[in-house]
Amino acid sequence: LDVKEVIQTPAGENMLDFGQNHAGLFR
């Protein structure tokens, strides 16, 4: 899966959304 969206949350966190809950590993 590719990153669907780069998000900065209301709390100021840098976050990535891969668009789908899944089991596995990131790199």
mmCIF file of all heavy atoms, coordinates in Angstrom:
data_MODEL
# 
_entry.id   MODEL 
# 
loop_
_atom_site.group_PDB 
_atom_site.id 
_atom_site.type_symbol 
_atom_site.label_atom_id 
_atom_site.label_alt_id 
_atom_site.label_comp_id 
_atom_site.label_asym_id 
_atom_site.label_entity_id 
_atom_site.label_seq_id 
_atom_site.pdbx_PDB_ins_code 
_atom_site.Cartn_x 
_atom_site.Cartn_y 
_atom_site.Cartn_z 
_atom_site.occupancy 
_atom_site.B_iso_or_equiv 
_atom_site.pdbx_formal_charge 
_atom_site.auth_seq_id 
_atom_site.auth_comp_id 
_atom_site.auth_asym_id 
_atom_site.auth_atom_id 
_atom_site.pdbx_PDB_model_num 
ATOM 1   N N   . LEU A 1 1  ? 0.835  -1.197 0.000  1.00 0.00 ? 1  LEU A N   1 
ATOM 2   C CA  . LEU A 1 1  ? 0.000  0.000  0.000  1.00 0.00 ? 1  LEU A CA  1 
ATOM 3   C C   . LEU A 1 1  ? 0.873  1.252  0.000  1.00 0.00 ? 1  LEU A C   1 
ATOM 4   O O   . LEU A 1 1  ? 1.897  1.314  0.703  1.00 0.00 ? 1  LEU A O   1 
ATOM 5   C CB  . LEU A 1 1  ? -0.893 0.020  1.241  1.00 0.00 ? 1  LEU A CB  1 
ATOM 6   C CG  . LEU A 1 1  ? -1.825 -1.175 1.456  1.00 0.00 ? 1  LEU A CG  1 
ATOM 7   C CD1 . LEU A 1 1  ? -2.604 -1.002 2.754  1.00 0.00 ? 1  LEU A CD1 1 
ATOM 8   C CD2 . LEU A 1 1  ? -2.773 -1.346 0.283  1.00 0.00 ? 1  LEU A CD2 1 
ATOM 9   N N   . ASP A 1 2  ? 0.472  2.234  -0.759 1.00 0.00 ? 2  ASP A N   1 
ATOM 10  C CA  . ASP A 1 2  ? 1.119  3.538  -0.749 1.00 0.00 ? 2  ASP A CA  1 
ATOM 11  C C   . ASP A 1 2  ? 0.418  4.444  0.260  1.00 0.00 ? 2  ASP A C   1 
ATOM 12  O O   . ASP A 1 2  ? -0.716 4.188  0.677  1.00 0.00 ? 2  ASP A O   1 
ATOM 13  C CB  . ASP A 1 2  ? 1.050  4.190  -2.136 1.00 0.00 ? 2  ASP A CB  1 
ATOM 14  C CG  . ASP A 1 2  ? 1.853  3.421  -3.173 1.00 0.00 ? 2  ASP A CG  1 
ATOM 15  O OD1 . ASP A 1 2  ? 2.922  2.906  -2.822 1.00 0.00 ? 2  ASP A OD1 1 
ATOM 16  O OD2 . ASP A 1 2  ? 1.392  3.344  -4.334 1.00 0.00 ? 2  ASP A OD2 1 
ATOM 17  N N   . VAL A 1 3  ? 1.086  5.509  0.629  1.00 0.00 ? 3  VAL A N   1 
ATOM 18  C CA  . VAL A 1 3  ? 0.470  6.521  1.492  1.00 0.00 ? 3  VAL A CA  1 
ATOM 19  C C   . VAL A 1 3  ? -0.639 7.221  0.718  1.00 0.00 ? 3  VAL A C   1 
ATOM 20  O O   . VAL A 1 3  ? -0.422 7.703  -0.401 1.00 0.00 ? 3  VAL A O   1 
ATOM 21  C CB  . VAL A 1 3  ? 1.529  7.539  1.966  1.00 0.00 ? 3  VAL A CB  1 
ATOM 22  C CG1 . VAL A 1 3  ? 0.865  8.671  2.739  1.00 0.00 ? 3  VAL A CG1 1 
ATOM 23  C CG2 . VAL A 1 3  ? 2.583  6.846  2.826  1.00 0.00 ? 3  VAL A CG2 1 
ATOM 24  N N   . LYS A 1 4  ? -1.831 7.273  1.318  1.00 0.00 ? 4  LYS A N   1 
ATOM 25  C CA  . LYS A 1 4  ? -2.957 7.958  0.683  1.00 0.00 ? 4  LYS A CA  1 
ATOM 26  C C   . LYS A 1 4  ? -2.994 9.451  1.024  1.00 0.00 ? 4  LYS A C   1 
ATOM 27  O O   . LYS A 1 4  ? -3.420 10.271 0.215  1.00 0.00 ? 4  LYS A O   1 
ATOM 28  C CB  . LYS A 1 4  ? -4.277 7.314  1.109  1.00 0.00 ? 4  LYS A CB  1 
ATOM 29  C CG  . LYS A 1 4  ? -4.422 5.864  0.699  1.00 0.00 ? 4  LYS A CG  1 
ATOM 30  C CD  . LYS A 1 4  ? -4.410 5.701  -0.803 1.00 0.00 ? 4  LYS A CD  1 
ATOM 31  C CE  . LYS A 1 4  ? -4.641 4.242  -1.203 1.00 0.00 ? 4  LYS A CE  1 
ATOM 32  N NZ  . LYS A 1 4  ? -4.541 4.044  -2.663 1.00 0.00 ? 4  LYS A NZ  1 
ATOM 33  N N   . GLU A 1 5  ? -2.521 9.768  2.241  1.00 0.00 ? 5  GLU A N   1 
ATOM 34  C CA  . GLU A 1 5  ? -2.598 11.156 2.667  1.00 0.00 ? 5  GLU A CA  1 
ATOM 35  C C   . GLU A 1 5  ? -1.583 11.415 3.767  1.00 0.00 ? 5  GLU A C   1 
ATOM 36  O O   . GLU A 1 5  ? -1.365 10.570 4.640  1.00 0.00 ? 5  GLU A O   1 
ATOM 37  C CB  . GLU A 1 5  ? -4.004 11.478 3.181  1.00 0.00 ? 5  GLU A CB  1 
ATOM 38  C CG  . GLU A 1 5  ? -4.215 12.940 3.531  1.00 0.00 ? 5  GLU A CG  1 
ATOM 39  C CD  . GLU A 1 5  ? -5.617 13.210 4.043  1.00 0.00 ? 5  GLU A CD  1 
ATOM 40  O OE1 . GLU A 1 5  ? -6.407 12.242 4.177  1.00 0.00 ? 5  GLU A OE1 1 
ATOM 41  O OE2 . GLU A 1 5  ? -5.927 14.392 4.319  1.00 0.00 ? 5  GLU A OE2 1 
ATOM 42  N N   . VAL A 1 6  ? -0.950 12.573 3.700  1.00 0.00 ? 6  VAL A N   1 
ATOM 43  C CA  . VAL A 1 6  ? -0.111 13.054 4.797  1.00 0.00 ? 6  VAL A CA  1 
ATOM 44  C C   . VAL A 1 6  ? -0.947 14.023 5.613  1.00 0.00 ? 6  VAL A C   1 
ATOM 45  O O   . VAL A 1 6  ? -1.523 14.974 5.074  1.00 0.00 ? 6  VAL A O   1 
ATOM 46  C CB  . VAL A 1 6  ? 1.162  13.748 4.277  1.00 0.00 ? 6  VAL A CB  1 
ATOM 47  C CG1 . VAL A 1 6  ? 2.007  14.284 5.447  1.00 0.00 ? 6  VAL A CG1 1 
ATOM 48  C CG2 . VAL A 1 6  ? 1.994  12.785 3.430  1.00 0.00 ? 6  VAL A CG2 1 
ATOM 49  N N   . ILE A 1 7  ? -1.032 13.763 6.927  1.00 0.00 ? 7  ILE A N   1 
ATOM 50  C CA  . ILE A 1 7  ? -1.950 14.515 7.773  1.00 0.00 ? 7  ILE A CA  1 
ATOM 51  C C   . ILE A 1 7  ? -1.180 15.207 8.902  1.00 0.00 ? 7  ILE A C   1 
ATOM 52  O O   . ILE A 1 7  ? -0.298 14.593 9.516  1.00 0.00 ? 7  ILE A O   1 
ATOM 53  C CB  . ILE A 1 7  ? -3.007 13.578 8.407  1.00 0.00 ? 7  ILE A CB  1 
ATOM 54  C CG1 . ILE A 1 7  ? -3.799 12.831 7.330  1.00 0.00 ? 7  ILE A CG1 1 
ATOM 55  C CG2 . ILE A 1 7  ? -3.947 14.348 9.336  1.00 0.00 ? 7  ILE A CG2 1 
ATOM 56  C CD1 . ILE A 1 7  ? -4.683 11.731 7.881  1.00 0.00 ? 7  ILE A CD1 1 
ATOM 57  N N   . GLN A 1 8  ? -1.535 16.442 9.170  1.00 0.00 ? 8  GLN A N   1 
ATOM 58  C CA  . GLN A 1 8  ? -1.123 17.070 10.425 1.00 0.00 ? 8  GLN A CA  1 
ATOM 59  C C   . GLN A 1 8  ? -2.373 17.204 11.264 1.00 0.00 ? 8  GLN A C   1 
ATOM 60  O O   . GLN A 1 8  ? -3.333 17.893 10.890 1.00 0.00 ? 8  GLN A O   1 
ATOM 61  C CB  . GLN A 1 8  ? -0.456 18.428 10.216 1.00 0.00 ? 8  GLN A CB  1 
ATOM 62  C CG  . GLN A 1 8  ? 0.091  18.996 11.524 1.00 0.00 ? 8  GLN A CG  1 
ATOM 63  C CD  . GLN A 1 8  ? 1.035  20.159 11.324 1.00 0.00 ? 8  GLN A CD  1 
ATOM 64  O OE1 . GLN A 1 8  ? 0.725  21.072 10.572 1.00 0.00 ? 8  GLN A OE1 1 
ATOM 65  N NE2 . GLN A 1 8  ? 2.167  20.135 12.011 1.00 0.00 ? 8  GLN A NE2 1 
ATOM 66  N N   . THR A 1 9  ? -2.375 16.517 12.394 1.00 0.00 ? 9  THR A N   1 
ATOM 67  C CA  . THR A 1 9  ? -3.581 16.425 13.207 1.00 0.00 ? 9  THR A CA  1 
ATOM 68  C C   . THR A 1 9  ? -3.807 17.713 13.995 1.00 0.00 ? 9  THR A C   1 
ATOM 69  O O   . THR A 1 9  ? -2.905 18.540 14.140 1.00 0.00 ? 9  THR A O   1 
ATOM 70  C CB  . THR A 1 9  ? -3.473 15.251 14.191 1.00 0.00 ? 9  THR A CB  1 
ATOM 71  O OG1 . THR A 1 9  ? -2.490 15.569 15.199 1.00 0.00 ? 9  THR A OG1 1 
ATOM 72  C CG2 . THR A 1 9  ? -3.076 13.981 13.472 1.00 0.00 ? 9  THR A CG2 1 
ATOM 73  N N   . PRO A 1 10 ? -5.015 17.905 14.547 1.00 0.00 ? 10 PRO A N   1 
ATOM 74  C CA  . PRO A 1 10 ? -5.275 19.064 15.402 1.00 0.00 ? 10 PRO A CA  1 
ATOM 75  C C   . PRO A 1 10 ? -4.304 19.169 16.578 1.00 0.00 ? 10 PRO A C   1 
ATOM 76  O O   . PRO A 1 10 ? -4.024 20.273 17.059 1.00 0.00 ? 10 PRO A O   1 
ATOM 77  C CB  . PRO A 1 10 ? -6.710 18.832 15.889 1.00 0.00 ? 10 PRO A CB  1 
ATOM 78  C CG  . PRO A 1 10 ? -7.331 18.011 14.806 1.00 0.00 ? 10 PRO A CG  1 
ATOM 79  C CD  . PRO A 1 10 ? -6.241 17.123 14.292 1.00 0.00 ? 10 PRO A CD  1 
ATOM 80  N N   . ALA A 1 11 ? -3.767 18.001 17.003 1.00 0.00 ? 11 ALA A N   1 
ATOM 81  C CA  . ALA A 1 11 ? -2.808 18.005 18.115 1.00 0.00 ? 11 ALA A CA  1 
ATOM 82  C C   . ALA A 1 11 ? -1.384 18.296 17.647 1.00 0.00 ? 11 ALA A C   1 
ATOM 83  O O   . ALA A 1 11 ? -0.453 18.280 18.450 1.00 0.00 ? 11 ALA A O   1 
ATOM 84  C CB  . ALA A 1 11 ? -2.843 16.663 18.841 1.00 0.00 ? 11 ALA A CB  1 
ATOM 85  N N   . GLY A 1 12 ? -1.202 18.542 16.348 1.00 0.00 ? 12 GLY A N   1 
ATOM 86  C CA  . GLY A 1 12 ? 0.117  18.864 15.819 1.00 0.00 ? 12 GLY A CA  1 
ATOM 87  C C   . GLY A 1 12 ? 0.973  17.671 15.475 1.00 0.00 ? 12 GLY A C   1 
ATOM 88  O O   . GLY A 1 12 ? 2.186  17.806 15.283 1.00 0.00 ? 12 GLY A O   1 
ATOM 89  N N   . GLU A 1 13 ? 0.360  16.489 15.354 1.00 0.00 ? 13 GLU A N   1 
ATOM 90  C CA  . GLU A 1 13 ? 1.116  15.277 15.044 1.00 0.00 ? 13 GLU A CA  1 
ATOM 91  C C   . GLU A 1 13 ? 1.283  15.127 13.534 1.00 0.00 ? 13 GLU A C   1 
ATOM 92  O O   . GLU A 1 13 ? 0.370  15.431 12.757 1.00 0.00 ? 13 GLU A O   1 
ATOM 93  C CB  . GLU A 1 13 ? 0.369  14.049 15.587 1.00 0.00 ? 13 GLU A CB  1 
ATOM 94  C CG  . GLU A 1 13 ? 0.105  14.111 17.081 1.00 0.00 ? 13 GLU A CG  1 
ATOM 95  C CD  . GLU A 1 13 ? -1.115 13.285 17.470 1.00 0.00 ? 13 GLU A CD  1 
ATOM 96  O OE1 . GLU A 1 13 ? -2.132 13.347 16.736 1.00 0.00 ? 13 GLU A OE1 1 
ATOM 97  O OE2 . GLU A 1 13 ? -1.053 12.620 18.508 1.00 0.00 ? 13 GLU A OE2 1 
ATOM 98  N N   . ASN A 1 14 ? 2.456  14.638 13.095 1.00 0.00 ? 14 ASN A N   1 
ATOM 99  C CA  . ASN A 1 14 ? 2.673  14.299 11.693 1.00 0.00 ? 14 ASN A CA  1 
ATOM 100 C C   . ASN A 1 14 ? 2.279  12.841 11.493 1.00 0.00 ? 14 ASN A C   1 
ATOM 101 O O   . ASN A 1 14 ? 2.813  11.941 12.142 1.00 0.00 ? 14 ASN A O   1 
ATOM 102 C CB  . ASN A 1 14 ? 4.144  14.508 11.322 1.00 0.00 ? 14 ASN A CB  1 
ATOM 103 C CG  . ASN A 1 14 ? 4.528  15.975 11.319 1.00 0.00 ? 14 ASN A CG  1 
ATOM 104 O OD1 . ASN A 1 14 ? 3.742  16.828 10.909 1.00 0.00 ? 14 ASN A OD1 1 
ATOM 105 N ND2 . ASN A 1 14 ? 5.732  16.282 11.781 1.00 0.00 ? 14 ASN A ND2 1 
ATOM 106 N N   . MET A 1 15 ? 1.358  12.626 10.562 1.00 0.00 ? 15 MET A N   1 
ATOM 107 C CA  . MET A 1 15 ? 0.768  11.296 10.447 1.00 0.00 ? 15 MET A CA  1 
ATOM 108 C C   . MET A 1 15 ? 0.568  10.911 8.976  1.00 0.00 ? 15 MET A C   1 
ATOM 109 O O   . MET A 1 15 ? 0.333  11.770 8.120  1.00 0.00 ? 15 MET A O   1 
ATOM 110 C CB  . MET A 1 15 ? -0.568 11.251 11.189 1.00 0.00 ? 15 MET A CB  1 
ATOM 111 C CG  . MET A 1 15 ? -1.069 9.872  11.510 1.00 0.00 ? 15 MET A CG  1 
ATOM 112 S SD  . MET A 1 15 ? -2.417 9.963  12.714 1.00 0.00 ? 15 MET A SD  1 
ATOM 113 C CE  . MET A 1 15 ? -3.607 10.947 11.817 1.00 0.00 ? 15 MET A CE  1 
ATOM 114 N N   . LEU A 1 16 ? 0.660  9.605  8.719  1.00 0.00 ? 16 LEU A N   1 
ATOM 115 C CA  . LEU A 1 16 ? 0.427  9.052  7.394  1.00 0.00 ? 16 LEU A CA  1 
ATOM 116 C C   . LEU A 1 16 ? -0.813 8.165  7.426  1.00 0.00 ? 16 LEU A C   1 
ATOM 117 O O   . LEU A 1 16 ? -1.019 7.410  8.382  1.00 0.00 ? 16 LEU A O   1 
ATOM 118 C CB  . LEU A 1 16 ? 1.632  8.218  6.940  1.00 0.00 ? 16 LEU A CB  1 
ATOM 119 C CG  . LEU A 1 16 ? 2.988  8.926  6.930  1.00 0.00 ? 16 LEU A CG  1 
ATOM 120 C CD1 . LEU A 1 16 ? 4.090  7.940  6.583  1.00 0.00 ? 16 LEU A CD1 1 
ATOM 121 C CD2 . LEU A 1 16 ? 2.987  10.096 5.951  1.00 0.00 ? 16 LEU A CD2 1 
ATOM 122 N N   . ASP A 1 17 ? -1.592 8.245  6.365  1.00 0.00 ? 17 ASP A N   1 
ATOM 123 C CA  . ASP A 1 17 ? -2.781 7.404  6.226  1.00 0.00 ? 17 ASP A CA  1 
ATOM 124 C C   . ASP A 1 17 ? -2.570 6.489  5.026  1.00 0.00 ? 17 ASP A C   1 
ATOM 125 O O   . ASP A 1 17 ? -2.407 6.957  3.896  1.00 0.00 ? 17 ASP A O   1 
ATOM 126 C CB  . ASP A 1 17 ? -4.022 8.287  6.018  1.00 0.00 ? 17 ASP A CB  1 
ATOM 127 C CG  . ASP A 1 17 ? -5.300 7.476  5.813  1.00 0.00 ? 17 ASP A CG  1 
ATOM 128 O OD1 . ASP A 1 17 ? -5.259 6.233  5.947  1.00 0.00 ? 17 ASP A OD1 1 
ATOM 129 O OD2 . ASP A 1 17 ? -6.340 8.101  5.521  1.00 0.00 ? 17 ASP A OD2 1 
ATOM 130 N N   . PHE A 1 18 ? -2.569 5.170  5.286  1.00 0.00 ? 18 PHE A N   1 
ATOM 131 C CA  . PHE A 1 18 ? -2.408 4.197  4.203  1.00 0.00 ? 18 PHE A CA  1 
ATOM 132 C C   . PHE A 1 18 ? -3.746 3.753  3.618  1.00 0.00 ? 18 PHE A C   1 
ATOM 133 O O   . PHE A 1 18 ? -3.773 2.905  2.731  1.00 0.00 ? 18 PHE A O   1 
ATOM 134 C CB  . PHE A 1 18 ? -1.616 2.985  4.699  1.00 0.00 ? 18 PHE A CB  1 
ATOM 135 C CG  . PHE A 1 18 ? -0.155 3.281  4.938  1.00 0.00 ? 18 PHE A CG  1 
ATOM 136 C CD1 . PHE A 1 18 ? 0.304  3.587  6.206  1.00 0.00 ? 18 PHE A CD1 1 
ATOM 137 C CD2 . PHE A 1 18 ? 0.740  3.276  3.884  1.00 0.00 ? 18 PHE A CD2 1 
ATOM 138 C CE1 . PHE A 1 18 ? 1.651  3.878  6.427  1.00 0.00 ? 18 PHE A CE1 1 
ATOM 139 C CE2 . PHE A 1 18 ? 2.081  3.565  4.096  1.00 0.00 ? 18 PHE A CE2 1 
ATOM 140 C CZ  . PHE A 1 18 ? 2.534  3.869  5.371  1.00 0.00 ? 18 PHE A CZ  1 
ATOM 141 N N   . GLY A 1 19 ? -4.843 4.306  4.119  1.00 0.00 ? 19 GLY A N   1 
ATOM 142 C CA  . GLY A 1 19 ? -6.144 4.118  3.484  1.00 0.00 ? 19 GLY A CA  1 
ATOM 143 C C   . GLY A 1 19 ? -6.871 2.842  3.819  1.00 0.00 ? 19 GLY A C   1 
ATOM 144 O O   . GLY A 1 19 ? -8.026 2.672  3.405  1.00 0.00 ? 19 GLY A O   1 
ATOM 145 N N   . GLN A 1 20 ? -6.258 1.933  4.564  1.00 0.00 ? 20 GLN A N   1 
ATOM 146 C CA  . GLN A 1 20 ? -6.871 0.623  4.781  1.00 0.00 ? 20 GLN A CA  1 
ATOM 147 C C   . GLN A 1 20 ? -6.241 -0.031 6.000  1.00 0.00 ? 20 GLN A C   1 
ATOM 148 O O   . GLN A 1 20 ? -5.013 -0.117 6.105  1.00 0.00 ? 20 GLN A O   1 
ATOM 149 C CB  . GLN A 1 20 ? -6.647 -0.272 3.548  1.00 0.00 ? 20 GLN A CB  1 
ATOM 150 C CG  . GLN A 1 20 ? -6.954 -1.733 3.743  1.00 0.00 ? 20 GLN A CG  1 
ATOM 151 C CD  . GLN A 1 20 ? -8.442 -2.000 3.886  1.00 0.00 ? 20 GLN A CD  1 
ATOM 152 O OE1 . GLN A 1 20 ? -9.228 -1.587 3.037  1.00 0.00 ? 20 GLN A OE1 1 
ATOM 153 N NE2 . GLN A 1 20 ? -8.831 -2.681 4.952  1.00 0.00 ? 20 GLN A NE2 1 
ATOM 154 N N   . ASN A 1 21 ? -7.058 -0.484 6.937  1.00 0.00 ? 21 ASN A N   1 
ATOM 155 C CA  . ASN A 1 21 ? -6.533 -1.302 8.024  1.00 0.00 ? 21 ASN A CA  1 
ATOM 156 C C   . ASN A 1 21 ? -6.029 -2.626 7.464  1.00 0.00 ? 21 ASN A C   1 
ATOM 157 O O   . ASN A 1 21 ? -6.686 -3.245 6.610  1.00 0.00 ? 21 ASN A O   1 
ATOM 158 C CB  . ASN A 1 21 ? -7.613 -1.562 9.079  1.00 0.00 ? 21 ASN A CB  1 
ATOM 159 C CG  . ASN A 1 21 ? -7.549 -0.566 10.214 1.00 0.00 ? 21 ASN A CG  1 
ATOM 160 O OD1 . ASN A 1 21 ? -6.481 -0.324 10.775 1.00 0.00 ? 21 ASN A OD1 1 
ATOM 161 N ND2 . ASN A 1 21 ? -8.690 0.021  10.554 1.00 0.00 ? 21 ASN A ND2 1 
ATOM 162 N N   . HIS A 1 22 ? -4.905 -3.057 7.939  1.00 0.00 ? 22 HIS A N   1 
ATOM 163 C CA  . HIS A 1 22 ? -4.302 -4.286 7.418  1.00 0.00 ? 22 HIS A CA  1 
ATOM 164 C C   . HIS A 1 22 ? -3.283 -4.815 8.429  1.00 0.00 ? 22 HIS A C   1 
ATOM 165 O O   . HIS A 1 22 ? -2.910 -4.124 9.378  1.00 0.00 ? 22 HIS A O   1 
ATOM 166 C CB  . HIS A 1 22 ? -3.606 -4.011 6.083  1.00 0.00 ? 22 HIS A CB  1 
ATOM 167 C CG  . HIS A 1 22 ? -2.466 -3.061 6.190  1.00 0.00 ? 22 HIS A CG  1 
ATOM 168 N ND1 . HIS A 1 22 ? -2.658 -1.692 6.279  1.00 0.00 ? 22 HIS A ND1 1 
ATOM 169 C CD2 . HIS A 1 22 ? -1.122 -3.248 6.268  1.00 0.00 ? 22 HIS A CD2 1 
ATOM 170 C CE1 . HIS A 1 22 ? -1.490 -1.088 6.382  1.00 0.00 ? 22 HIS A CE1 1 
ATOM 171 N NE2 . HIS A 1 22 ? -0.538 -2.013 6.388  1.00 0.00 ? 22 HIS A NE2 1 
ATOM 172 N N   . ALA A 1 23 ? -2.848 -6.031 8.209  1.00 0.00 ? 23 ALA A N   1 
ATOM 173 C CA  . ALA A 1 23 ? -1.791 -6.639 9.028  1.00 0.00 ? 23 ALA A CA  1 
ATOM 174 C C   . ALA A 1 23 ? -0.537 -6.759 8.182  1.00 0.00 ? 23 ALA A C   1 
ATOM 175 O O   . ALA A 1 23 ? -0.589 -7.181 7.026  1.00 0.00 ? 23 ALA A O   1 
ATOM 176 C CB  . ALA A 1 23 ? -2.222 -8.010 9.535  1.00 0.00 ? 23 ALA A CB  1 
ATOM 177 N N   . GLY A 1 24 ? 0.596  -6.379 8.768  1.00 0.00 ? 24 GLY A N   1 
ATOM 178 C CA  . GLY A 1 24 ? 1.837  -6.501 8.008  1.00 0.00 ? 24 GLY A CA  1 
ATOM 179 C C   . GLY A 1 24 ? 2.944  -5.667 8.601  1.00 0.00 ? 24 GLY A C   1 
ATOM 180 O O   . GLY A 1 24 ? 2.969  -5.373 9.804  1.00 0.00 ? 24 GLY A O   1 
ATOM 181 N N   . LEU A 1 25 ? 3.862  -5.264 7.758  1.00 0.00 ? 25 LEU A N   1 
ATOM 182 C CA  . LEU A 1 25 ? 5.021  -4.468 8.151  1.00 0.00 ? 25 LEU A CA  1 
ATOM 183 C C   . LEU A 1 25 ? 5.127  -3.244 7.254  1.00 0.00 ? 25 LEU A C   1 
ATOM 184 O O   . LEU A 1 25 ? 4.795  -3.311 6.068  1.00 0.00 ? 25 LEU A O   1 
ATOM 185 C CB  . LEU A 1 25 ? 6.308  -5.285 8.040  1.00 0.00 ? 25 LEU A CB  1 
ATOM 186 C CG  . LEU A 1 25 ? 6.536  -6.374 9.086  1.00 0.00 ? 25 LEU A CG  1 
ATOM 187 C CD1 . LEU A 1 25 ? 7.733  -7.234 8.694  1.00 0.00 ? 25 LEU A CD1 1 
ATOM 188 C CD2 . LEU A 1 25 ? 6.753  -5.768 10.464 1.00 0.00 ? 25 LEU A CD2 1 
ATOM 189 N N   . PHE A 1 26 ? 5.616  -2.149 7.812  1.00 0.00 ? 26 PHE A N   1 
ATOM 190 C CA  . PHE A 1 26 ? 5.913  -0.974 7.008  1.00 0.00 ? 26 PHE A CA  1 
ATOM 191 C C   . PHE A 1 26 ? 7.411  -0.922 6.731  1.00 0.00 ? 26 PHE A C   1 
ATOM 192 O O   . PHE A 1 26 ? 8.203  -1.620 7.364  1.00 0.00 ? 26 PHE A O   1 
ATOM 193 C CB  . PHE A 1 26 ? 5.461  0.305  7.718  1.00 0.00 ? 26 PHE A CB  1 
ATOM 194 C CG  . PHE A 1 26 ? 5.917  0.382  9.141  1.00 0.00 ? 26 PHE A CG  1 
ATOM 195 C CD1 . PHE A 1 26 ? 7.228  0.713  9.466  1.00 0.00 ? 26 PHE A CD1 1 
ATOM 196 C CD2 . PHE A 1 26 ? 5.040  0.111  10.176 1.00 0.00 ? 26 PHE A CD2 1 
ATOM 197 C CE1 . PHE A 1 26 ? 7.652  0.783  10.779 1.00 0.00 ? 26 PHE A CE1 1 
ATOM 198 C CE2 . PHE A 1 26 ? 5.453  0.179  11.503 1.00 0.00 ? 26 PHE A CE2 1 
ATOM 199 C CZ  . PHE A 1 26 ? 6.765  0.510  11.804 1.00 0.00 ? 26 PHE A CZ  1 
ATOM 200 N N   . ARG A 1 27 ? 7.785  -0.103 5.782  1.00 0.00 ? 27 ARG A N   1 
ATOM 201 C CA  . ARG A 1 27 ? 9.203  0.192  5.532  1.00 0.00 ? 27 ARG A CA  1 
ATOM 202 C C   . ARG A 1 27 ? 9.305  1.656  5.116  1.00 0.00 ? 27 ARG A C   1 
ATOM 203 O O   . ARG A 1 27 ? 8.344  2.239  4.617  1.00 0.00 ? 27 ARG A O   1 
ATOM 204 C CB  . ARG A 1 27 ? 9.799  -0.734 4.481  1.00 0.00 ? 27 ARG A CB  1 
ATOM 205 C CG  . ARG A 1 27 ? 9.033  -0.832 3.202  1.00 0.00 ? 27 ARG A CG  1 
ATOM 206 C CD  . ARG A 1 27 ? 9.527  -1.994 2.329  1.00 0.00 ? 27 ARG A CD  1 
ATOM 207 N NE  . ARG A 1 27 ? 8.558  -2.342 1.314  1.00 0.00 ? 27 ARG A NE  1 
ATOM 208 C CZ  . ARG A 1 27 ? 8.567  -1.909 0.066  1.00 0.00 ? 27 ARG A CZ  1 
ATOM 209 N NH1 . ARG A 1 27 ? 9.537  -1.069 -0.329 1.00 0.00 ? 27 ARG A NH1 1 
ATOM 210 N NH2 . ARG A 1 27 ? 7.653  -2.278 -0.798 1.00 0.00 ? 27 ARG A NH2 1 
# 
